[in-house]
Amino acid sequence: MAFCGVGLGAFGAHGLTRRVTADRLKTYQTGVQYQLFHSLAILVTGLAAFRFAPAALLVWAAWLFVAGIVLFSGSLYFLALVRLPARWGVITPLGGLCFLGGWALWLVALATRL
């Protein structure tokens, strides 16, 4: 996910600046930022799950981060690059809810370890 995020960021910085409007480029960059940030969250979650048992909550958190990247960042990429009807933007908040769910599970996992 991080590898793809870096590639998509480079594509946006070098390949899209003259092809899309400034607003669409900003939307695209937001998708890249969230993808990169949550790619690191997946990495840290995997390391924590390996270290701490039971790790079921952390595994679910990682999967929610993956779903969030696909839904949130993916929908922003499509909205920036493809002329879709505005109603497709409803997918983005679902990805945001996945991110929030992943972080909530992280907090629960942390609280149960204390």
C-alpha atoms as a PDB file:
ATOM      1  CA  MET A   1       0.000   0.000   0.000  1.00  0.00           C
ATOM      2  CA  ALA A   2       2.817   2.411   0.811  1.00  0.00           C
ATOM      3  CA  PHE A   3       4.629   1.529  -2.414  1.00  0.00           C
ATOM      4  CA  CYS A   4       1.475   2.243  -4.413  1.00  0.00           C
ATOM      5  CA  GLY A   5       0.903   5.442  -2.436  1.00  0.00           C
ATOM      6  CA  VAL A   6       4.346   6.753  -3.328  1.00  0.00           C
ATOM      7  CA  GLY A   7       3.809   5.853  -6.981  1.00  0.00           C
ATOM      8  CA  LEU A   8       0.384   7.464  -7.048  1.00  0.00           C
ATOM      9  CA  GLY A   9       1.782  10.559  -5.356  1.00  0.00           C
ATOM     10  CA  ALA A  10       4.536  10.853  -7.943  1.00  0.00           C
ATOM     11  CA  PHE A  11       2.015  10.358 -10.726  1.00  0.00           C
ATOM     12  CA  GLY A  12      -0.141  13.126  -9.280  1.00  0.00           C
ATOM     13  CA  ALA A  13       2.771  15.513  -8.843  1.00  0.00           C
ATOM     14  CA  HIS A  14       4.291  14.941 -12.255  1.00  0.00           C
ATOM     15  CA  GLY A  15       1.532  13.637 -14.476  1.00  0.00           C
ATOM     16  CA  LEU A  16      -1.627  15.387 -13.394  1.00  0.00           C
ATOM     17  CA  THR A  17      -0.685  19.010 -12.768  1.00  0.00           C
ATOM     18  CA  ARG A  18      -1.570  20.045 -16.319  1.00  0.00           C
ATOM     19  CA  ARG A  19      -4.372  17.558 -16.888  1.00  0.00           C
ATOM     20  CA  VAL A  20      -6.799  18.218 -14.033  1.00  0.00           C
ATOM     21  CA  THR A  21      -8.071  21.303 -12.256  1.00  0.00           C
ATOM     22  CA  ALA A  22      -6.453  22.504  -9.049  1.00  0.00           C
ATOM     23  CA  ASP A  23      -9.482  21.328  -7.054  1.00  0.00           C
ATOM     24  CA  ARG A  24      -9.294  17.834  -8.524  1.00  0.00           C
ATOM     25  CA  LEU A  25      -5.554  17.701  -7.908  1.00  0.00           C
ATOM     26  CA  LYS A  26      -6.140  18.649  -4.270  1.00  0.00           C
ATOM     27  CA  THR A  27      -8.734  15.863  -3.988  1.00  0.00           C
ATOM     28  CA  TYR A  28      -6.237  13.423  -5.476  1.00  0.00           C
ATOM     29  CA  GLN A  29      -3.490  14.564  -3.076  1.00  0.00           C
ATOM     30  CA  THR A  30      -5.821  14.052  -0.113  1.00  0.00           C
ATOM     31  CA  GLY A  31      -6.320  10.455  -1.218  1.00  0.00           C
ATOM     32  CA  VAL A  32      -2.552   9.957  -1.444  1.00  0.00           C
ATOM     33  CA  GLN A  33      -1.960  11.459   2.012  1.00  0.00           C
ATOM     34  CA  TYR A  34      -4.532   9.227   3.677  1.00  0.00           C
ATOM     35  CA  GLN A  35      -3.230   6.174   1.829  1.00  0.00           C
ATOM     36  CA  LEU A  36       0.355   6.803   2.925  1.00  0.00           C
ATOM     37  CA  PHE A  37      -0.598   7.562   6.520  1.00  0.00           C
ATOM     38  CA  HIS A  38      -2.757   4.476   6.856  1.00  0.00           C
ATOM     39  CA  SER A  39      -0.164   2.312   5.092  1.00  0.00           C
ATOM     40  CA  LEU A  40       2.134   3.133   7.990  1.00  0.00           C
ATOM     41  CA  ALA A  41      -0.727   2.378  10.380  1.00  0.00           C
ATOM     42  CA  ILE A  42      -1.068  -1.075   8.776  1.00  0.00           C
ATOM     43  CA  LEU A  43       2.662  -1.673   9.221  1.00  0.00           C
ATOM     44  CA  VAL A  44       2.618  -0.647  12.886  1.00  0.00           C
ATOM     45  CA  THR A  45      -0.555  -2.650  13.469  1.00  0.00           C
ATOM     46  CA  GLY A  46       1.077  -5.746  11.978  1.00  0.00           C
ATOM     47  CA  LEU A  47       4.130  -5.326  14.171  1.00  0.00           C
ATOM     48  CA  ALA A  48       1.948  -4.842  17.249  1.00  0.00           C
ATOM     49  CA  ALA A  49      -0.179  -7.881  16.369  1.00  0.00           C
ATOM     50  CA  PHE A  50       2.989  -9.961  16.031  1.00  0.00           C
ATOM     51  CA  ARG A  51       4.245  -8.739  19.408  1.00  0.00           C
ATOM     52  CA  PHE A  52       1.047  -8.871  21.467  1.00  0.00           C
ATOM     53  CA  ALA A  53      -1.280 -11.831  21.745  1.00  0.00           C
ATOM     54  CA  PRO A  54      -4.199 -12.129  21.402  1.00  0.00           C
ATOM     55  CA  ALA A  55      -4.101  -9.935  18.357  1.00  0.00           C
ATOM     56  CA  ALA A  56      -7.592 -10.373  16.889  1.00  0.00           C
ATOM     57  CA  LEU A  57      -8.553  -6.736  17.469  1.00  0.00           C
ATOM     58  CA  LEU A  58      -5.374  -5.552  15.791  1.00  0.00           C
ATOM     59  CA  VAL A  59      -5.911  -7.845  12.818  1.00  0.00           C
ATOM     60  CA  TRP A  60      -9.413  -6.427  12.392  1.00  0.00           C
ATOM     61  CA  ALA A  61      -7.999  -2.909  12.744  1.00  0.00           C
ATOM     62  CA  ALA A  62      -5.520  -3.588   9.939  1.00  0.00           C
ATOM     63  CA  TRP A  63      -8.277  -4.895   7.673  1.00  0.00           C
ATOM     64  CA  LEU A  64     -10.364  -1.814   8.396  1.00  0.00           C
ATOM     65  CA  PHE A  65      -7.381   0.345   7.434  1.00  0.00           C
ATOM     66  CA  VAL A  66      -7.096  -1.583   4.158  1.00  0.00           C
ATOM     67  CA  ALA A  67     -10.826  -1.141   3.497  1.00  0.00           C
ATOM     68  CA  GLY A  68     -10.506   2.552   4.341  1.00  0.00           C
ATOM     69  CA  ILE A  69      -7.704   3.002   1.838  1.00  0.00           C
ATOM     70  CA  VAL A  70      -9.664   1.246  -0.884  1.00  0.00           C
ATOM     71  CA  LEU A  71     -12.909   3.116  -0.217  1.00  0.00           C
ATOM     72  CA  PHE A  72     -11.665   6.532   0.919  1.00  0.00           C
ATOM     73  CA  SER A  73      -8.520   7.034  -1.128  1.00  0.00           C
ATOM     74  CA  GLY A  74      -9.817   4.994  -4.054  1.00  0.00           C
ATOM     75  CA  SER A  75     -12.995   7.026  -4.307  1.00  0.00           C
ATOM     76  CA  LEU A  76     -11.010  10.267  -4.172  1.00  0.00           C
ATOM     77  CA  TYR A  77      -8.758   9.044  -6.978  1.00  0.00           C
ATOM     78  CA  PHE A  78     -11.780   8.239  -9.121  1.00  0.00           C
ATOM     79  CA  LEU A  79     -13.504  11.527  -8.305  1.00  0.00           C
ATOM     80  CA  ALA A  80     -10.342  13.421  -9.266  1.00  0.00           C
ATOM     81  CA  LEU A  81      -9.628  11.516 -12.470  1.00  0.00           C
ATOM     82  CA  VAL A  82     -12.996  10.452 -13.850  1.00  0.00           C
ATOM     83  CA  ARG A  83     -16.069  12.572 -14.385  1.00  0.00           C
ATOM     84  CA  LEU A  84     -18.428  10.649 -12.131  1.00  0.00           C
ATOM     85  CA  PRO A  85     -21.793  11.843 -10.864  1.00  0.00           C
ATOM     86  CA  ALA A  86     -21.506  13.541  -7.475  1.00  0.00           C
ATOM     87  CA  ARG A  87     -23.461  10.727  -5.819  1.00  0.00           C
ATOM     88  CA  TRP A  88     -20.341   8.549  -6.107  1.00  0.00           C
ATOM     89  CA  GLY A  89     -18.851  10.764  -3.416  1.00  0.00           C
ATOM     90  CA  VAL A  90     -20.980   8.876  -0.870  1.00  0.00           C
ATOM     91  CA  ILE A  91     -18.355   6.105  -0.941  1.00  0.00           C
ATOM     92  CA  THR A  92     -15.685   8.374   0.558  1.00  0.00           C
ATOM     93  CA  PRO A  93     -17.301   8.690   4.019  1.00  0.00           C
ATOM     94  CA  LEU A  94     -17.671   4.901   4.192  1.00  0.00           C
ATOM     95  CA  GLY A  95     -13.896   4.685   3.870  1.00  0.00           C
ATOM     96  CA  GLY A  96     -13.571   7.320   6.575  1.00  0.00           C
ATOM     97  CA  LEU A  97     -15.767   5.197   8.841  1.00  0.00           C
ATOM     98  CA  CYS A  98     -13.462   2.244   8.190  1.00  0.00           C
ATOM     99  CA  PHE A  99     -10.478   4.376   9.239  1.00  0.00           C
ATOM    100  CA  LEU A 100     -12.296   5.443  12.401  1.00  0.00           C
ATOM    101  CA  GLY A 101     -13.252   1.840  13.145  1.00  0.00           C
ATOM    102  CA  GLY A 102      -9.637   0.754  12.767  1.00  0.00           C
ATOM    103  CA  TRP A 103      -8.457   3.432  15.173  1.00  0.00           C
ATOM    104  CA  ALA A 104     -11.237   2.563  17.623  1.00  0.00           C
ATOM    105  CA  LEU A 105     -10.150  -1.082  17.607  1.00  0.00           C
ATOM    106  CA  TRP A 106      -6.582   0.065  18.207  1.00  0.00           C
ATOM    107  CA  LEU A 107      -7.744   1.969  21.290  1.00  0.00           C
ATOM    108  CA  VAL A 108      -9.716  -1.014  22.577  1.00  0.00           C
ATOM    109  CA  ALA A 109      -6.728  -3.307  22.009  1.00  0.00           C
ATOM    110  CA  LEU A 110      -4.481  -0.857  23.815  1.00  0.00           C
ATOM    111  CA  ALA A 111      -6.936  -0.473  26.715  1.00  0.00           C
ATOM    112  CA  THR A 112      -7.203  -4.238  27.172  1.00  0.00           C
ATOM    113  CA  ARG A 113      -3.392  -4.524  27.355  1.00  0.00           C
ATOM    114  CA  LEU A 114      -3.057  -2.001  30.183  1.00  0.00           C
END
